[in-house]
C-alpha cells in the first residue's frame, strides 16, 4: 500500500512538471522594432523618441512580462497570440510607461533628460512617443535604447534620426549619439557696405591712375624744356 502511494505521488509530481506553465518565449527574429529620434523645433531643449514594436506577438509578450496581461496569453509551448485588446490594455498602463523610461534614456552633455510618455492613441500601429526635456538646448543627444533585450538579448532596434541618419541598437551597442542641433546660419553679407567698399576701391584706383598720368606729363614737359 505504501509503495502504491509513493508511485501515485511520483506520477502526480511528473504530471505537474509536464503541465506547469513555462516562461514566455521571446520572438526576436521577426519584424524588427523601430525608433525615430528627432528634435522639437519649438522647444530646442526637447528630444523626441518614438518607439514602435516589430511583431505584435512581441507586444503581447511584453504585456505579460509587465503583469499587464494575464499569463494565459502565452500558451504552454511558448506560443504567443496577439489580440486587439492587448495594445489597448498595455498603452495606458503605468508599468508600460515606467518600462519605456527605464529602457530608453536620453542625455545631453552628460546630464540626464527627464522623459514624459505621451498616451498612445494606437500603440500597435503608430507606436508611442516619449519627450525628453534636457537641462539646455540640445546639440548632440546620447540616446540609449534597450527595448525588449531584457526578454531576449537577441532583440534589435532599427533607429532613424535627422537627415536620414541611421543606427542599429542591440545588446552591447545600446547607445548612439545623434546630432540634433541646427548648424549656425552663415552670416549674410551687408550688400550696401560691400558695394560702398567696392566703389571706394574703384574711385581710389581712378585717382591713382590720374595722379600717375599727371606726374608723367610733368616729367615730359620738363624734359622738353
C-alpha atoms as a PDB file:
ATOM      1  CA  UNK A   1       0.000   0.000   0.000  1.00  0.00           C
ATOM      2  CA  UNK A   2       2.810   2.407   0.905  1.00  0.00           C
ATOM      3  CA  UNK A   3       4.584   1.540  -2.333  1.00  0.00           C
ATOM      4  CA  UNK A   4       1.403   2.293  -4.283  1.00  0.00           C
ATOM      5  CA  UNK A   5       1.122   5.643  -2.521  1.00  0.00           C
ATOM      6  CA  UNK A   6       4.712   6.549  -3.403  1.00  0.00           C
ATOM      7  CA  UNK A   7       4.096   5.539  -7.020  1.00  0.00           C
ATOM      8  CA  UNK A   8       0.978   7.680  -7.137  1.00  0.00           C
ATOM      9  CA  UNK A   9       2.787  10.657  -5.634  1.00  0.00           C
ATOM     10  CA  UNK A  10       5.597  10.325  -8.158  1.00  0.00           C
ATOM     11  CA  UNK A  11       3.114  10.163 -11.010  1.00  0.00           C
ATOM     12  CA  UNK A  12       1.352  13.327  -9.814  1.00  0.00           C
ATOM     13  CA  UNK A  13       4.679  15.156  -9.461  1.00  0.00           C
ATOM     14  CA  UNK A  14       5.657  14.197 -13.009  1.00  0.00           C
ATOM     15  CA  UNK A  15       2.274  15.372 -14.322  1.00  0.00           C
ATOM     16  CA  UNK A  16       2.691  18.688 -12.509  1.00  0.00           C
ATOM     17  CA  UNK A  17       6.040  19.254 -14.199  1.00  0.00           C
ATOM     18  CA  UNK A  18       4.644  18.413 -17.616  1.00  0.00           C
ATOM     19  CA  UNK A  19       1.639  20.726 -17.392  1.00  0.00           C
ATOM     20  CA  UNK A  20       3.258  23.578 -15.442  1.00  0.00           C
ATOM     21  CA  UNK A  21       3.291  26.918 -17.312  1.00  0.00           C
ATOM     22  CA  UNK A  22       6.649  27.673 -18.921  1.00  0.00           C
ATOM     23  CA  UNK A  23       8.188  31.143 -19.213  1.00  0.00           C
ATOM     24  CA  UNK A  24       7.074  33.138 -22.242  1.00  0.00           C
ATOM     25  CA  UNK A  25       9.276  32.584 -25.276  1.00  0.00           C
ATOM     26  CA  UNK A  26      10.584  35.737 -26.956  1.00  0.00           C
ATOM     27  CA  UNK A  27      10.460  36.182 -30.730  1.00  0.00           C
ATOM     28  CA  UNK A  28      13.442  38.409 -31.572  1.00  0.00           C
ATOM     29  CA  UNK A  29      13.892  37.177 -35.144  1.00  0.00           C
ATOM     30  CA  UNK A  30      10.679  38.548 -36.629  1.00  0.00           C
ATOM     31  CA  UNK A  31       9.976  42.095 -37.795  1.00  0.00           C
ATOM     32  CA  UNK A  32      12.387  44.488 -36.024  1.00  0.00           C
ATOM     33  CA  UNK A  33      11.203  47.156 -33.658  1.00  0.00           C
ATOM     34  CA  UNK A  34      11.950  50.732 -34.680  1.00  0.00           C
ATOM     35  CA  UNK A  35      12.877  54.029 -33.064  1.00  0.00           C
ATOM     36  CA  UNK A  36      12.778  57.544 -34.504  1.00  0.00           C
ATOM     37  CA  UNK A  37      14.864  60.274 -32.856  1.00  0.00           C
ATOM     38  CA  UNK A  38      14.101  63.917 -33.626  1.00  0.00           C
ATOM     39  CA  UNK A  39      14.368  67.441 -32.268  1.00  0.00           C
ATOM     40  CA  UNK A  40      11.440  69.666 -31.357  1.00  0.00           C
ATOM     41  CA  UNK A  41      11.665  72.856 -33.435  1.00  0.00           C
ATOM     42  CA  UNK A  42       9.562  74.803 -30.941  1.00  0.00           C
ATOM     43  CA  UNK A  43      11.483  73.525 -27.911  1.00  0.00           C
ATOM     44  CA  UNK A  44      15.239  73.219 -28.577  1.00  0.00           C
ATOM     45  CA  UNK A  45      15.793  71.536 -25.232  1.00  0.00           C
ATOM     46  CA  UNK A  46      13.471  68.611 -26.059  1.00  0.00           C
ATOM     47  CA  UNK A  47      14.433  65.318 -27.728  1.00  0.00           C
ATOM     48  CA  UNK A  48      11.548  63.280 -29.131  1.00  0.00           C
ATOM     49  CA  UNK A  49      11.791  59.491 -29.363  1.00  0.00           C
ATOM     50  CA  UNK A  50       9.084  57.371 -30.973  1.00  0.00           C
ATOM     51  CA  UNK A  51       9.155  53.597 -30.427  1.00  0.00           C
ATOM     52  CA  UNK A  52       7.160  51.044 -32.415  1.00  0.00           C
ATOM     53  CA  UNK A  53       7.096  47.313 -31.805  1.00  0.00           C
ATOM     54  CA  UNK A  54       8.038  44.946 -34.608  1.00  0.00           C
ATOM     55  CA  UNK A  55       5.836  41.897 -34.151  1.00  0.00           C
ATOM     56  CA  UNK A  56       2.519  42.243 -32.373  1.00  0.00           C
ATOM     57  CA  UNK A  57       3.207  38.997 -30.516  1.00  0.00           C
ATOM     58  CA  UNK A  58       6.226  40.788 -29.003  1.00  0.00           C
ATOM     59  CA  UNK A  59       3.860  43.449 -27.683  1.00  0.00           C
ATOM     60  CA  UNK A  60       1.721  40.776 -26.057  1.00  0.00           C
ATOM     61  CA  UNK A  61       4.801  39.108 -24.594  1.00  0.00           C
ATOM     62  CA  UNK A  62       5.898  42.447 -23.124  1.00  0.00           C
ATOM     63  CA  UNK A  63       2.449  42.960 -21.614  1.00  0.00           C
ATOM     64  CA  UNK A  64       2.628  39.560 -19.937  1.00  0.00           C
ATOM     65  CA  UNK A  65       6.126  40.217 -18.584  1.00  0.00           C
ATOM     66  CA  UNK A  66       4.951  43.554 -17.114  1.00  0.00           C
ATOM     67  CA  UNK A  67       1.941  41.936 -15.475  1.00  0.00           C
ATOM     68  CA  UNK A  68      -0.475  43.968 -17.601  1.00  0.00           C
ATOM     69  CA  UNK A  69      -1.783  40.891 -19.420  1.00  0.00           C
ATOM     70  CA  UNK A  70      -2.579  37.551 -17.781  1.00  0.00           C
ATOM     71  CA  UNK A  71      -0.155  34.652 -18.034  1.00  0.00           C
ATOM     72  CA  UNK A  72      -2.630  32.583 -20.033  1.00  0.00           C
ATOM     73  CA  UNK A  73      -1.989  34.868 -23.047  1.00  0.00           C
ATOM     74  CA  UNK A  74       1.114  32.709 -23.558  1.00  0.00           C
ATOM     75  CA  UNK A  75       0.500  29.083 -24.491  1.00  0.00           C
ATOM     76  CA  UNK A  76       2.173  26.176 -22.707  1.00  0.00           C
ATOM     77  CA  UNK A  77       4.505  25.651 -25.669  1.00  0.00           C
ATOM     78  CA  UNK A  78       5.601  29.292 -25.537  1.00  0.00           C
ATOM     79  CA  UNK A  79       3.452  30.450 -28.454  1.00  0.00           C
ATOM     80  CA  UNK A  80       2.072  33.973 -28.118  1.00  0.00           C
ATOM     81  CA  UNK A  81      -1.102  35.127 -29.838  1.00  0.00           C
ATOM     82  CA  UNK A  82      -1.804  38.836 -30.158  1.00  0.00           C
ATOM     83  CA  UNK A  83      -5.310  40.208 -29.653  1.00  0.00           C
ATOM     84  CA  UNK A  84      -6.524  43.704 -30.500  1.00  0.00           C
ATOM     85  CA  UNK A  85      -7.324  44.304 -26.839  1.00  0.00           C
ATOM     86  CA  UNK A  86      -3.675  43.757 -25.866  1.00  0.00           C
ATOM     87  CA  UNK A  87      -2.420  47.109 -27.180  1.00  0.00           C
ATOM     88  CA  UNK A  88      -5.376  48.925 -25.642  1.00  0.00           C
ATOM     89  CA  UNK A  89      -4.512  47.398 -22.257  1.00  0.00           C
ATOM     90  CA  UNK A  90      -0.757  47.989 -22.446  1.00  0.00           C
ATOM     91  CA  UNK A  91      -0.744  51.583 -23.784  1.00  0.00           C
ATOM     92  CA  UNK A  92      -2.137  53.433 -20.734  1.00  0.00           C
ATOM     93  CA  UNK A  93      -0.607  51.094 -18.140  1.00  0.00           C
ATOM     94  CA  UNK A  94       1.770  52.810 -15.670  1.00  0.00           C
ATOM     95  CA  UNK A  95       4.003  49.739 -15.792  1.00  0.00           C
ATOM     96  CA  UNK A  96       4.468  50.247 -19.535  1.00  0.00           C
ATOM     97  CA  UNK A  97       5.359  53.939 -19.143  1.00  0.00           C
ATOM     98  CA  UNK A  98       7.850  53.075 -16.419  1.00  0.00           C
ATOM     99  CA  UNK A  99       9.374  50.386 -18.640  1.00  0.00           C
ATOM    100  CA  UNK A 100       9.802  52.829 -21.542  1.00  0.00           C
ATOM    101  CA  UNK A 101      11.547  55.394 -19.340  1.00  0.00           C
ATOM    102  CA  UNK A 102      13.790  52.687 -17.917  1.00  0.00           C
ATOM    103  CA  UNK A 103      14.765  51.115 -21.250  1.00  0.00           C
ATOM    104  CA  UNK A 104      15.084  54.334 -23.304  1.00  0.00           C
ATOM    105  CA  UNK A 105      17.167  57.130 -21.816  1.00  0.00           C
ATOM    106  CA  UNK A 106      18.486  60.421 -23.193  1.00  0.00           C
ATOM    107  CA  UNK A 107      21.393  62.568 -22.006  1.00  0.00           C
ATOM    108  CA  UNK A 108      22.681  65.941 -23.156  1.00  0.00           C
ATOM    109  CA  UNK A 109      26.245  66.867 -22.285  1.00  0.00           C
ATOM    110  CA  UNK A 110      26.374  64.053 -19.748  1.00  0.00           C
ATOM    111  CA  UNK A 111      23.227  65.272 -17.966  1.00  0.00           C
ATOM    112  CA  UNK A 112      20.114  63.102 -17.954  1.00  0.00           C
ATOM    113  CA  UNK A 113      16.940  64.364 -19.620  1.00  0.00           C
ATOM    114  CA  UNK A 114      13.547  63.786 -17.977  1.00  0.00           C
ATOM    115  CA  UNK A 115      11.114  61.780 -20.094  1.00  0.00           C
ATOM    116  CA  UNK A 116       7.356  62.197 -20.437  1.00  0.00           C
ATOM    117  CA  UNK A 117       5.334  59.479 -22.152  1.00  0.00           C
ATOM    118  CA  UNK A 118       2.528  60.628 -24.419  1.00  0.00           C
ATOM    119  CA  UNK A 119      -0.549  58.376 -24.084  1.00  0.00           C
ATOM    120  CA  UNK A 120      -0.555  56.358 -27.333  1.00  0.00           C
ATOM    121  CA  UNK A 121      -3.667  56.586 -29.498  1.00  0.00           C
ATOM    122  CA  UNK A 122      -2.831  53.368 -31.363  1.00  0.00           C
ATOM    123  CA  UNK A 123       0.116  51.555 -29.800  1.00  0.00           C
ATOM    124  CA  UNK A 124       0.067  48.661 -32.267  1.00  0.00           C
ATOM    125  CA  UNK A 125       0.087  50.737 -35.470  1.00  0.00           C
ATOM    126  CA  UNK A 126       1.636  54.086 -34.551  1.00  0.00           C
ATOM    127  CA  UNK A 127       3.761  53.226 -31.526  1.00  0.00           C
ATOM    128  CA  UNK A 128       4.375  55.535 -28.591  1.00  0.00           C
ATOM    129  CA  UNK A 129       6.232  58.862 -28.257  1.00  0.00           C
ATOM    130  CA  UNK A 130       8.395  59.982 -25.346  1.00  0.00           C
ATOM    131  CA  UNK A 131       9.537  63.601 -24.966  1.00  0.00           C
ATOM    132  CA  UNK A 132      12.792  64.100 -23.064  1.00  0.00           C
ATOM    133  CA  UNK A 133      13.300  67.584 -21.592  1.00  0.00           C
ATOM    134  CA  UNK A 134      17.001  68.355 -21.234  1.00  0.00           C
ATOM    135  CA  UNK A 135      18.616  70.994 -18.994  1.00  0.00           C
ATOM    136  CA  UNK A 136      19.764  73.044 -22.010  1.00  0.00           C
ATOM    137  CA  UNK A 137      19.188  73.290 -25.774  1.00  0.00           C
ATOM    138  CA  UNK A 138      20.359  70.089 -27.417  1.00  0.00           C
ATOM    139  CA  UNK A 139      23.136  69.959 -29.968  1.00  0.00           C
ATOM    140  CA  UNK A 140      24.065  66.281 -29.663  1.00  0.00           C
ATOM    141  CA  UNK A 141      21.941  63.823 -27.706  1.00  0.00           C
ATOM    142  CA  UNK A 142      23.150  60.466 -26.365  1.00  0.00           C
ATOM    143  CA  UNK A 143      20.212  58.073 -26.698  1.00  0.00           C
ATOM    144  CA  UNK A 144      20.235  54.621 -25.104  1.00  0.00           C
ATOM    145  CA  UNK A 145      17.716  52.003 -26.282  1.00  0.00           C
ATOM    146  CA  UNK A 146      17.349  48.617 -24.559  1.00  0.00           C
ATOM    147  CA  UNK A 147      13.784  47.790 -25.524  1.00  0.00           C
ATOM    148  CA  UNK A 148      12.903  44.083 -25.101  1.00  0.00           C
ATOM    149  CA  UNK A 149      16.534  42.998 -24.628  1.00  0.00           C
ATOM    150  CA  UNK A 150      15.604  42.054 -21.069  1.00  0.00           C
ATOM    151  CA  UNK A 151      13.233  39.476 -22.582  1.00  0.00           C
ATOM    152  CA  UNK A 152      15.833  38.172 -25.013  1.00  0.00           C
ATOM    153  CA  UNK A 153      19.296  39.639 -25.769  1.00  0.00           C
ATOM    154  CA  UNK A 154      18.822  38.953 -29.482  1.00  0.00           C
ATOM    155  CA  UNK A 155      16.278  41.746 -29.896  1.00  0.00           C
ATOM    156  CA  UNK A 156      17.499  44.665 -32.036  1.00  0.00           C
ATOM    157  CA  UNK A 157      16.073  48.095 -32.828  1.00  0.00           C
ATOM    158  CA  UNK A 158      16.419  49.957 -36.118  1.00  0.00           C
ATOM    159  CA  UNK A 159      16.749  53.690 -35.457  1.00  0.00           C
ATOM    160  CA  UNK A 160      16.382  56.725 -37.714  1.00  0.00           C
ATOM    161  CA  UNK A 161      17.383  60.303 -36.931  1.00  0.00           C
ATOM    162  CA  UNK A 162      17.645  63.727 -38.579  1.00  0.00           C
ATOM    163  CA  UNK A 163      18.898  63.958 -42.181  1.00  0.00           C
ATOM    164  CA  UNK A 164      18.291  60.241 -42.658  1.00  0.00           C
ATOM    165  CA  UNK A 165      20.960  59.140 -40.168  1.00  0.00           C
ATOM    166  CA  UNK A 166      20.541  55.506 -39.141  1.00  0.00           C
ATOM    167  CA  UNK A 167      21.751  53.222 -36.369  1.00  0.00           C
ATOM    168  CA  UNK A 168      21.093  49.738 -35.017  1.00  0.00           C
ATOM    169  CA  UNK A 169      20.660  49.245 -31.290  1.00  0.00           C
ATOM    170  CA  UNK A 170      21.484  45.836 -29.868  1.00  0.00           C
ATOM    171  CA  UNK A 171      22.917  44.331 -26.722  1.00  0.00           C
ATOM    172  CA  UNK A 172      26.478  45.573 -26.326  1.00  0.00           C
ATOM    173  CA  UNK A 173      25.762  48.544 -28.604  1.00  0.00           C
ATOM    174  CA  UNK A 174      22.806  50.198 -26.925  1.00  0.00           C
ATOM    175  CA  UNK A 175      23.970  53.842 -27.104  1.00  0.00           C
ATOM    176  CA  UNK A 176      24.241  56.247 -30.041  1.00  0.00           C
ATOM    177  CA  UNK A 177      24.943  59.979 -30.323  1.00  0.00           C
ATOM    178  CA  UNK A 178      22.536  61.919 -32.549  1.00  0.00           C
ATOM    179  CA  UNK A 179      23.305  65.383 -33.946  1.00  0.00           C
ATOM    180  CA  UNK A 180      20.070  67.299 -33.436  1.00  0.00           C
ATOM    181  CA  UNK A 181      21.100  70.967 -33.157  1.00  0.00           C
ATOM    182  CA  UNK A 182      20.819  73.065 -36.325  1.00  0.00           C
ATOM    183  CA  UNK A 183      24.103  74.318 -37.738  1.00  0.00           C
ATOM    184  CA  UNK A 184      24.590  78.067 -37.131  1.00  0.00           C
ATOM    185  CA  UNK A 185      23.326  80.088 -40.053  1.00  0.00           C
ATOM    186  CA  UNK A 186      26.007  81.641 -42.241  1.00  0.00           C
ATOM    187  CA  UNK A 187      26.218  85.409 -41.781  1.00  0.00           C
ATOM    188  CA  UNK A 188      24.530  87.341 -44.577  1.00  0.00           C
ATOM    189  CA  UNK A 189      26.890  89.884 -46.146  1.00  0.00           C
ATOM    190  CA  UNK A 190      25.948  93.553 -45.920  1.00  0.00           C
ATOM    191  CA  UNK A 191      25.412  94.253 -49.609  1.00  0.00           C
ATOM    192  CA  UNK A 192      25.267  98.032 -49.125  1.00  0.00           C
ATOM    193  CA  UNK A 193      28.565  98.132 -47.297  1.00  0.00           C
ATOM    194  CA  UNK A 194      30.137  95.746 -49.767  1.00  0.00           C
ATOM    195  CA  UNK A 195      29.089  97.916 -52.710  1.00  0.00           C
ATOM    196  CA  UNK A 196      30.406 101.042 -50.975  1.00  0.00           C
ATOM    197  CA  UNK A 197      33.773  99.359 -50.367  1.00  0.00           C
ATOM    198  CA  UNK A 198      33.999  98.264 -53.985  1.00  0.00           C
ATOM    199  CA  UNK A 199      33.052 101.753 -55.224  1.00  0.00           C
ATOM    200  CA  UNK A 200      35.658 103.333 -52.964  1.00  0.00           C
ATOM    201  CA  UNK A 201      38.277 100.978 -54.360  1.00  0.00           C
ATOM    202  CA  UNK A 202      37.339 101.909 -57.919  1.00  0.00           C
ATOM    203  CA  UNK A 203      37.485 105.646 -57.148  1.00  0.00           C
ATOM    204  CA  UNK A 204      40.836 105.224 -55.420  1.00  0.00           C
ATOM    205  CA  UNK A 205      42.140 103.338 -58.444  1.00  0.00           C
ATOM    206  CA  UNK A 206      40.976 106.091 -60.803  1.00  0.00           C
ATOM    207  CA  UNK A 207      42.651 108.753 -58.653  1.00  0.00           C
ATOM    208  CA  UNK A 208      45.899 106.802 -58.583  1.00  0.00           C
ATOM    209  CA  UNK A 209      45.846 106.462 -62.360  1.00  0.00           C
ATOM    210  CA  UNK A 210      45.108 110.171 -62.751  1.00  0.00           C
ATOM    211  CA  UNK A 211      47.911 111.118 -60.341  1.00  0.00           C
ATOM    212  CA  UNK A 212      50.327 108.870 -62.214  1.00  0.00           C
ATOM    213  CA  UNK A 213      49.375 110.401 -65.547  1.00  0.00           C
ATOM    214  CA  UNK A 214      49.844 113.924 -64.111  1.00  0.00           C
ATOM    215  CA  UNK A 215      53.330 113.107 -62.865  1.00  0.00           C
ATOM    216  CA  UNK A 216      54.311 111.589 -66.203  1.00  0.00           C
ATOM    217  CA  UNK A 217      53.073 114.663 -68.050  1.00  0.00           C
ATOM    218  CA  UNK A 218      55.111 116.993 -65.817  1.00  0.00           C
ATOM    219  CA  UNK A 219      58.263 114.972 -66.414  1.00  0.00           C
ATOM    220  CA  UNK A 220      57.751 115.043 -70.165  1.00  0.00           C
ATOM    221  CA  UNK A 221      57.287 118.818 -70.121  1.00  0.00           C
ATOM    222  CA  UNK A 222      60.420 119.279 -68.028  1.00  0.00           C
ATOM    223  CA  UNK A 223      62.390 117.075 -70.401  1.00  0.00           C
ATOM    224  CA  UNK A 224      61.313 119.173 -73.405  1.00  0.00           C
ATOM    225  CA  UNK A 225      62.423 122.385 -71.699  1.00  0.00           C
END
